[in-house]
C-alpha cells in the first residue's frame, strides 16, 4: 500500500477535496490522507510515498521534517530543498536567461545592517551607490518589494527617488528590489501542475481578494489565441527550469507581450472561495492525477524529488581537465597530468630484480638559526563611510533631480 499525504494548515476546502478525489479514483494500492507526525527521527523513512506540502513555507519544523522525509525516499511536492533556496530576484535572472520577459529589476542593500555586522562588513559596497544609473534604468513610478518575499508583504509603490528613500526607511533588514511598473491591458494567473498541465485564468490584482478572479480576458480574435499559446509556453518553461510541480505564474500583458511578474509560489492559493468553483475543480483533478502518478513511480529508499533544468544542467558540467606541467618530461617518464600506464603501476611476474648500490650519506650541514621576524600589525581597513545605514540618499549636490 502506498500512501499520499497532504500537509496543510488553515486551509479547509482544497485538502479535503484532494483527499476525497484521490480515494474516489479507486487506484489499487494507493490511498490519500492528512499527514500525521508523532516523531521525527533522523534518516528514518515516513509511511508516505508522496507528500503534498501546503504549509512548510510558514512552519520551519515541517520544512525540516519534509527534508528528512525526502532524504529517505518520499516524493515531496514541491521540492523542499529547492524552494527553500529560491527567491524572486534570482527567478527574474533565470527567466531572462531562458527567454521569458520580466520587468526591469535591480537589487538594493538593506536599510539596516544585518545582525553581527559592522561598517567593515560593507567595505566592498560603494557609498553612495550609482543611484542616477539605477533610477534611469528602472524609471518611475516603480515598485519596491522584498527580493525573497511573497503574499504582497512589504510591497511599496514609489513615485520618485525621495519617495523611495522615505519608504526604504521602513524596511529594516529586508533586502529589497526595485522593479519597473508594468501598465497592463490583460493580467493572468496560471496554474501549472506536474510541469505539463496548465490552467490560464484571467485575474485582476487590483480587485478585492475575493473578486480577483471575477474578470474577463480583454484581448480578442487571433491575438487572443496567440497570446494564450505564448503564456502557456512561458509557464511551462519557467516551471521546468525551476523544478516546480505545483505552482502559479502571473503575467501582466503590455503591448501584447506577457511579462512574468510572480512565479515562485510553493503553496499557491487553491481555496474554492477565491479561485471559484470551475478553477477549483480543475486544480483538484490535476493535483490528484499528478500525485497518483508520482506515487506509482516512487521508488522506496531512493531520491524521488523533482529538480529543475537549472540544477540538472549545473551538476552535469564536467570537472575541469588537469593542466599538464609546463616543464618538459624526462625521457620515458610521463608528464604531470598524463595518464599513468598500467604497466607503470601494476607489478609484473616477469620483472627482474634490480640491485641498488648503497651510497654513504654526506655529512649534514650545520643548521642555520633563523631570526624570528618582528610581528606586523594588520593595518586598519579603510571604511568608505562612518554612517550607520547601509544605504543613504545622495548628497545635496547630486545630479538627481528632486521631484
Protein backbone atom coordinates (compact mmCIF):
# COMPACT_ATOMS: atom_id res chain seq x y z
CA UNK A 1 0.00 0.00 0.00
CA UNK A 2 1.33 3.44 -0.97
CA UNK A 3 0.10 6.48 0.92
CA UNK A 4 -0.28 10.01 -0.43
CA UNK A 5 -0.26 12.53 2.39
CA UNK A 6 -1.15 16.21 2.37
CA UNK A 7 0.42 18.58 4.91
CA UNK A 8 -1.65 21.73 5.47
CA UNK A 9 -2.58 24.45 7.94
CA UNK A 10 -5.62 26.73 7.96
CA UNK A 11 -6.85 25.56 4.55
CA UNK A 12 -10.10 23.66 4.52
CA UNK A 13 -11.56 23.29 1.04
CA UNK A 14 -8.62 22.06 -1.04
CA UNK A 15 -7.02 19.47 1.31
CA UNK A 16 -10.29 17.62 1.96
CA UNK A 17 -11.33 17.74 -1.69
CA UNK A 18 -7.89 16.47 -2.75
CA UNK A 19 -8.04 13.50 -0.36
CA UNK A 20 -11.57 12.59 -1.46
CA UNK A 21 -10.67 12.87 -5.16
CA UNK A 22 -7.62 10.61 -4.91
CA UNK A 23 -9.53 7.97 -2.95
CA UNK A 24 -12.55 8.16 -5.28
CA UNK A 25 -10.41 7.07 -8.24
CA UNK A 26 -10.03 3.60 -6.72
CA UNK A 27 -6.38 3.17 -7.73
CA UNK A 28 -5.25 -0.23 -6.47
CA UNK A 29 -2.75 0.03 -3.63
CA UNK A 30 -2.95 3.84 -3.31
CA UNK A 31 -4.78 5.89 -0.66
CA UNK A 32 -4.65 9.54 0.41
CA UNK A 33 -4.91 11.05 3.89
CA UNK A 34 -3.85 14.02 6.00
CA UNK A 35 -0.25 13.67 7.20
CA UNK A 36 0.20 12.74 10.86
CA UNK A 37 3.54 13.39 12.60
CA UNK A 38 4.20 11.90 16.04
CA UNK A 39 8.00 11.82 15.91
CA UNK A 40 10.80 12.80 13.54
CA UNK A 41 13.94 10.65 13.75
CA UNK A 42 16.91 11.50 11.56
CA UNK A 43 17.15 9.39 8.39
CA UNK A 44 14.01 7.45 9.34
CA UNK A 45 11.58 6.95 6.43
CA UNK A 46 7.96 8.11 6.68
CA UNK A 47 4.93 6.00 5.82
CA UNK A 48 4.19 8.23 2.80
CA UNK A 49 5.25 7.64 -0.80
CA UNK A 50 4.16 11.20 -1.68
CA UNK A 51 3.53 14.30 0.43
CA UNK A 52 1.82 17.41 -0.95
CA UNK A 53 3.21 20.33 1.07
CA UNK A 54 0.86 23.27 1.65
CA UNK A 55 2.27 24.83 4.82
CA UNK A 56 6.02 24.36 5.42
CA UNK A 57 6.83 27.79 3.99
CA UNK A 58 5.38 29.12 7.28
CA UNK A 59 6.47 26.34 9.68
CA UNK A 60 10.23 25.59 9.92
CA UNK A 61 9.56 22.36 11.86
CA UNK A 62 7.55 21.00 8.93
CA UNK A 63 10.25 22.11 6.50
CA UNK A 64 12.90 20.12 8.39
CA UNK A 65 10.54 17.13 8.58
CA UNK A 66 9.99 17.20 4.81
CA UNK A 67 13.71 17.37 4.01
CA UNK A 68 14.29 14.36 6.24
CA UNK A 69 11.41 12.53 4.54
CA UNK A 70 12.80 13.38 1.10
CA UNK A 71 16.22 12.02 2.08
CA UNK A 72 14.54 8.71 2.88
CA UNK A 73 12.59 8.36 -0.38
CA UNK A 74 9.36 10.35 -0.05
CA UNK A 75 8.41 12.35 -3.15
CA UNK A 76 7.76 15.77 -1.59
CA UNK A 77 5.82 18.28 -3.72
CA UNK A 78 7.20 20.90 -4.01
CA UNK A 79 10.87 20.02 -3.56
CA UNK A 80 11.66 21.50 -0.09
CA UNK A 81 15.36 21.90 -0.85
CA UNK A 82 14.77 23.97 -3.95
CA UNK A 83 12.05 26.34 -2.78
CA UNK A 84 13.93 26.98 0.48
CA UNK A 85 16.80 28.38 -1.60
CA UNK A 86 14.63 30.06 -4.22
CA UNK A 87 13.97 33.80 -4.33
CA UNK A 88 12.26 36.29 -6.60
CA UNK A 89 15.34 38.20 -7.70
CA UNK A 90 17.07 35.01 -8.82
CA UNK A 91 13.88 33.89 -10.57
CA UNK A 92 13.89 37.06 -12.64
CA UNK A 93 17.51 36.50 -13.65
CA UNK A 94 16.78 32.90 -14.65
CA UNK A 95 13.67 33.94 -16.59
CA UNK A 96 15.77 36.32 -18.68
CA UNK A 97 18.26 33.54 -19.41
CA UNK A 98 15.53 31.22 -20.76
CA UNK A 99 13.83 33.91 -22.82
CA UNK A 100 10.80 34.80 -20.67
CA UNK A 101 10.18 38.58 -20.41
CA UNK A 102 10.28 40.05 -16.89
CA UNK A 103 10.20 43.64 -15.52
CA UNK A 104 13.48 45.55 -15.29
CA UNK A 105 14.70 44.94 -11.73
CA UNK A 106 17.66 45.88 -9.51
CA UNK A 107 18.71 44.68 -6.06
CA UNK A 108 19.00 47.12 -3.13
CA UNK A 109 21.03 46.63 0.07
CA UNK A 110 19.09 46.56 3.32
CA UNK A 111 18.47 49.85 5.10
CA UNK A 112 19.73 48.45 8.41
CA UNK A 113 22.81 46.29 8.79
CA UNK A 114 22.20 42.58 9.44
CA UNK A 115 22.86 41.35 12.97
CA UNK A 116 26.50 40.76 13.90
CA UNK A 117 27.86 43.00 11.15
CA UNK A 118 29.59 46.38 11.21
CA UNK A 119 30.62 49.07 8.72
CA UNK A 120 33.72 46.99 7.98
CA UNK A 121 31.44 44.21 6.68
CA UNK A 122 30.44 46.51 3.82
CA UNK A 123 33.85 47.69 2.62
CA UNK A 124 33.03 46.31 -0.88
CA UNK A 125 29.82 48.32 -1.19
CA UNK A 126 30.11 51.75 -2.83
CA UNK A 127 28.74 54.72 -0.88
CA UNK A 128 26.64 56.14 -2.37
CA UNK A 129 25.58 53.61 -4.96
CA UNK A 130 25.06 54.54 -8.63
CA UNK A 131 21.60 55.90 -7.95
CA UNK A 132 21.42 58.01 -11.12
CA UNK A 133 22.03 54.93 -13.28
CA UNK A 134 19.62 52.79 -11.23
CA UNK A 135 16.77 55.29 -11.48
CA UNK A 136 17.37 55.91 -15.16
CA UNK A 137 17.24 52.16 -15.83
CA UNK A 138 14.07 51.46 -13.78
CA UNK A 139 12.10 54.69 -14.20
CA UNK A 140 9.22 55.93 -12.05
CA UNK A 141 6.68 55.06 -10.83
CA UNK A 142 8.12 51.74 -9.67
CA UNK A 143 7.57 49.03 -7.07
CA UNK A 144 9.87 48.19 -4.18
CA UNK A 145 9.44 44.69 -2.74
CA UNK A 146 11.45 42.07 -0.79
CA UNK A 147 13.78 40.10 -3.03
CA UNK A 148 12.57 36.84 -1.49
CA UNK A 149 9.10 37.70 -0.21
CA UNK A 150 5.54 36.89 -1.18
CA UNK A 151 1.89 37.49 -0.40
CA UNK A 152 2.19 41.23 -1.14
CA UNK A 153 4.03 41.76 2.17
CA UNK A 154 6.21 44.91 2.42
CA UNK A 155 5.40 45.97 -1.17
CA UNK A 156 5.59 49.72 -1.85
CA UNK A 157 4.71 51.82 -4.87
CA UNK A 158 7.23 54.65 -5.18
CA UNK A 159 6.83 57.69 -7.43
CA UNK A 160 10.27 59.35 -7.26
CA UNK A 161 13.69 58.90 -5.57
CA UNK A 162 12.73 60.83 -2.43
CA UNK A 163 9.59 58.69 -2.03
CA UNK A 164 11.69 55.54 -2.37
CA UNK A 165 14.23 56.63 0.27
CA UNK A 166 11.44 57.63 2.64
CA UNK A 167 9.70 54.24 2.33
CA UNK A 168 13.02 52.39 2.40
CA UNK A 169 13.40 53.64 5.98
CA UNK A 170 10.57 51.27 6.97
CA UNK A 171 12.15 48.09 5.54
CA UNK A 172 14.70 47.41 8.31
CA UNK A 173 16.98 44.49 7.43
CA UNK A 174 14.94 43.34 4.42
CA UNK A 175 16.88 43.13 1.17
CA UNK A 176 14.63 44.87 -1.35
CA UNK A 177 14.46 45.06 -5.10
CA UNK A 178 13.27 47.98 -7.21
CA UNK A 179 11.15 46.98 -10.18
CA UNK A 180 9.61 48.90 -13.05
CA UNK A 181 5.86 49.33 -13.09
CA UNK A 182 4.07 47.42 -15.86
CA UNK A 183 0.92 49.11 -17.12
CA UNK A 184 -1.06 46.18 -18.44
CA UNK A 185 -4.05 45.57 -20.70
CA UNK A 186 -4.59 41.98 -19.51
CA UNK A 187 -3.43 40.07 -16.46
CA UNK A 188 -3.38 36.30 -15.91
CA UNK A 189 -2.68 33.82 -13.15
CA UNK A 190 -1.72 30.37 -14.40
CA UNK A 191 -1.70 27.09 -12.54
CA UNK A 192 0.95 24.59 -13.59
CA UNK A 193 0.63 21.04 -12.22
CA UNK A 194 3.22 18.34 -12.81
CA UNK A 195 5.09 20.57 -15.28
CA UNK A 196 2.58 19.64 -18.00
CA UNK A 197 -0.98 20.72 -17.09
CA UNK A 198 -1.63 24.48 -17.39
CA UNK A 199 -4.77 26.43 -16.48
CA UNK A 200 -4.76 30.09 -17.63
CA UNK A 201 -7.07 32.26 -15.51
CA UNK A 202 -7.89 35.94 -16.18
CA UNK A 203 -7.02 37.79 -12.96
CA UNK A 204 -7.36 41.34 -11.70
CA UNK A 205 -4.87 42.03 -8.87
CA UNK A 206 -6.38 45.47 -8.23
CA UNK A 207 -9.73 43.97 -7.17
CA UNK A 208 -10.53 42.91 -3.59
CA UNK A 209 -9.13 39.45 -2.87
CA UNK A 210 -12.42 37.57 -3.31
CA UNK A 211 -13.09 39.27 -6.68
CA UNK A 212 -9.69 38.95 -8.33
CA UNK A 213 -10.80 36.02 -10.50
CA UNK A 214 -14.07 37.76 -11.40
CA UNK A 215 -12.81 39.29 -14.63
CA UNK A 216 -12.69 38.59 -18.37
CA UNK A 217 -9.84 38.50 -20.89
CA UNK A 218 -9.77 41.70 -22.95
CA UNK A 219 -7.65 40.56 -25.92
CA UNK A 220 -9.78 39.10 -28.71
CA UNK A 221 -9.59 37.34 -32.09
CA UNK A 222 -6.35 35.86 -33.42
CA UNK A 223 -4.34 37.91 -30.93
CA UNK A 224 -6.20 36.14 -28.13
CA UNK A 225 -5.17 32.65 -29.27
CA UNK A 226 -1.59 33.69 -29.95
CA UNK A 227 -1.34 35.32 -26.51
CA UNK A 228 -2.74 32.26 -24.71
CA UNK A 229 -0.30 29.96 -26.52
CA UNK A 230 2.66 32.18 -25.59
CA UNK A 231 1.54 32.31 -21.96
CA UNK A 232 1.24 28.53 -21.84
CA UNK A 233 4.72 28.16 -23.34
CA UNK A 234 6.27 30.62 -20.87
CA UNK A 235 4.51 28.95 -17.93
CA UNK A 236 5.93 25.54 -18.82
CA UNK A 237 9.40 26.96 -19.48
CA UNK A 238 9.55 28.58 -16.07
CA UNK A 239 8.34 25.56 -14.12
CA UNK A 240 10.62 23.13 -15.95
CA UNK A 241 13.62 25.41 -15.34
CA UNK A 242 12.76 25.92 -11.66
CA UNK A 243 11.55 22.39 -10.95
CA UNK A 244 8.11 23.18 -9.52
CA UNK A 245 5.33 20.55 -9.66
CA UNK A 246 2.60 22.71 -8.09
CA UNK A 247 2.95 26.41 -8.83
CA UNK A 248 1.27 29.52 -10.20
CA UNK A 249 2.71 32.08 -12.60
CA UNK A 250 1.36 35.62 -13.03
CA UNK A 251 1.67 37.60 -16.26
CA UNK A 252 0.97 41.26 -16.98
CA UNK A 253 0.35 41.85 -20.68
CA UNK A 254 1.83 45.08 -22.08
CA UNK A 255 1.58 45.85 -25.80
CA UNK A 256 0.61 42.23 -26.44
CA UNK A 257 3.67 40.81 -24.64
CA UNK A 258 3.13 38.69 -21.49
CA UNK A 259 5.62 39.73 -18.80
CA UNK A 260 6.15 37.31 -15.90
CA UNK A 261 5.53 39.10 -12.61
CA UNK A 262 5.43 36.37 -9.96
CA UNK A 263 6.37 32.71 -10.37
CA UNK A 264 7.60 31.37 -7.04
CA UNK A 265 4.60 30.02 -5.10
CA UNK A 266 5.39 26.81 -3.19
CA UNK A 267 1.78 26.65 -1.91
CA UNK A 268 -0.41 28.69 -4.29
CA UNK A 269 -3.93 29.68 -3.33
CA UNK A 270 -6.40 26.89 -4.14
CA UNK A 271 -9.38 27.87 -2.00
CA UNK A 272 -12.75 27.44 -3.70
CA UNK A 273 -13.97 30.78 -2.35
CA UNK A 274 -11.15 32.72 -4.02
CA UNK A 275 -10.42 30.80 -7.25
CA UNK A 276 -14.05 29.95 -7.94
CA UNK A 277 -15.78 26.56 -8.43
CA UNK A 278 -14.61 25.87 -12.02
CA UNK A 279 -10.94 26.66 -11.36
CA UNK A 280 -11.13 24.75 -8.08
CA UNK A 281 -12.41 21.63 -9.84
CA UNK A 282 -9.54 21.79 -12.36
CA UNK A 283 -6.89 22.16 -9.64
CA UNK A 284 -8.25 19.30 -7.52
CA UNK A 285 -8.42 16.92 -10.50
CA UNK A 286 -4.98 17.83 -11.87
CA UNK A 287 -3.33 17.62 -8.43
CA UNK A 288 -4.93 14.23 -7.69
CA UNK A 289 -3.77 12.78 -11.03
CA UNK A 290 -0.27 14.14 -10.55
CA UNK A 291 0.02 12.73 -7.00
CA UNK A 292 -1.18 9.28 -8.10
CA UNK A 293 1.33 9.23 -10.95
CA UNK A 294 4.15 10.21 -8.59
CA UNK A 295 3.11 7.51 -6.10
CA UNK A 296 3.20 4.86 -8.83
CA UNK A 297 6.68 5.97 -9.93
CA UNK A 298 8.08 6.39 -6.41
CA UNK A 299 10.95 4.03 -5.59
CA UNK A 300 11.35 3.44 -1.82
CA UNK A 301 14.75 4.41 -0.43
CA UNK A 302 15.75 6.43 -3.48
CA UNK A 303 15.57 10.17 -4.18
CA UNK A 304 12.16 10.92 -5.70
CA UNK A 305 12.32 14.71 -5.86
CA UNK A 306 11.85 16.90 -8.92
CA UNK A 307 14.82 19.07 -9.89
CA UNK A 308 14.66 21.87 -12.45
CA UNK A 309 16.85 22.04 -15.52
CA UNK A 310 18.84 24.87 -13.92
CA UNK A 311 20.14 22.46 -11.26
CA UNK A 312 20.37 19.41 -13.53
CA UNK A 313 22.37 21.31 -16.14
CA UNK A 314 24.68 22.68 -13.45
CA UNK A 315 25.55 19.28 -11.92
CA UNK A 316 26.17 17.76 -15.35
CA UNK A 317 29.02 20.18 -16.13
CA UNK A 318 32.23 18.11 -16.38
CA UNK A 319 35.08 18.81 -13.97
CA UNK A 320 37.96 20.92 -15.35
CA UNK A 321 40.72 18.92 -17.03
CA UNK A 322 44.06 18.62 -15.24
CA UNK A 323 46.50 21.16 -16.69
CA UNK A 324 49.81 19.49 -17.70
CA UNK A 325 53.04 20.76 -16.18
CA UNK A 326 54.90 23.35 -18.24
CA UNK A 327 58.27 21.62 -17.92
CA UNK A 328 59.45 19.02 -20.42
CA UNK A 329 59.18 15.48 -19.01
CA UNK A 330 62.26 13.29 -18.73
CA UNK A 331 62.73 10.70 -21.45
CA UNK A 332 60.48 7.71 -20.91
CA UNK A 333 58.68 9.38 -17.98
CA UNK A 334 55.03 10.62 -18.24
CA UNK A 335 54.40 14.35 -17.86
CA UNK A 336 52.40 15.66 -14.90
CA UNK A 337 48.70 15.26 -15.65
CA UNK A 338 49.27 12.46 -18.24
CA UNK A 339 47.57 9.13 -17.51
CA UNK A 340 49.93 6.62 -15.97
CA UNK A 341 50.13 3.37 -17.97
CA UNK A 342 49.01 0.24 -16.15
CA UNK A 343 52.47 -1.26 -16.57
CA UNK A 344 53.94 1.60 -14.57
CA UNK A 345 51.84 0.81 -11.52
CA UNK A 346 50.96 -2.87 -11.61
CA UNK A 347 53.56 -5.48 -10.53
CA UNK A 348 54.84 -7.83 -13.25
CA UNK A 349 55.56 -11.54 -12.85
CA UNK A 350 58.48 -11.20 -15.28
CA UNK A 351 60.10 -8.16 -13.69
CA UNK A 352 63.77 -8.62 -12.90
CA UNK A 353 65.30 -7.80 -9.55
CA UNK A 354 67.19 -4.53 -9.65
CA UNK A 355 70.12 -4.14 -7.25
CA UNK A 356 70.55 -0.67 -5.80
CA UNK A 357 74.08 0.38 -4.87
CA UNK A 358 74.27 1.76 -1.35
CA UNK A 359 75.63 5.30 -1.09
CA UNK A 360 77.08 6.65 2.14
CA UNK A 361 75.30 9.80 3.25
CA UNK A 362 77.18 13.07 3.26
CA UNK A 363 77.82 14.98 6.43
CA UNK A 364 74.89 17.12 7.40
CA UNK A 365 75.37 20.85 7.07
CA UNK A 366 75.34 22.97 10.20
CA UNK A 367 71.86 24.20 10.95
CA UNK A 368 71.22 27.86 10.36
CA UNK A 369 69.33 29.62 13.10
CA UNK A 370 66.66 31.82 11.56
CA UNK A 371 65.86 35.13 13.15
CA UNK A 372 62.31 35.47 14.40
CA UNK A 373 60.65 38.27 12.43
CA UNK A 374 59.05 41.12 14.28
CA UNK A 375 55.22 40.79 14.35
CA UNK A 376 53.50 43.07 11.87
CA UNK A 377 50.15 44.51 12.87
CA UNK A 378 47.39 44.36 10.24
CA UNK A 379 46.52 47.89 9.12
CA UNK A 380 43.09 49.19 9.94
CA UNK A 381 40.75 48.77 6.95
CA UNK A 382 39.70 51.86 5.10
CA UNK A 383 35.99 52.29 5.59
CA UNK A 384 34.15 54.28 2.94
CA UNK A 385 31.78 55.95 5.38
CA UNK A 386 31.04 56.16 9.05
CA UNK A 387 27.29 56.38 8.61
CA UNK A 388 25.21 53.69 10.28
CA UNK A 389 22.87 52.96 7.38
CA UNK A 390 23.85 50.60 4.60
CA UNK A 391 22.14 52.82 2.02
CA UNK A 392 21.76 56.55 2.04
CA UNK A 393 20.35 59.27 -0.15
CA UNK A 394 22.77 61.19 -2.39
CA UNK A 395 24.28 64.45 -1.20
CA UNK A 396 22.58 67.75 -1.88
CA UNK A 397 24.78 68.41 -4.88
CA UNK A 398 23.71 65.13 -6.53
CA UNK A 399 22.72 65.19 -10.19
CA UNK A 400 19.41 63.50 -9.35
CA UNK A 401 16.53 65.85 -9.88
CA UNK A 402 14.21 66.17 -6.94
CA UNK A 403 10.54 65.96 -7.81
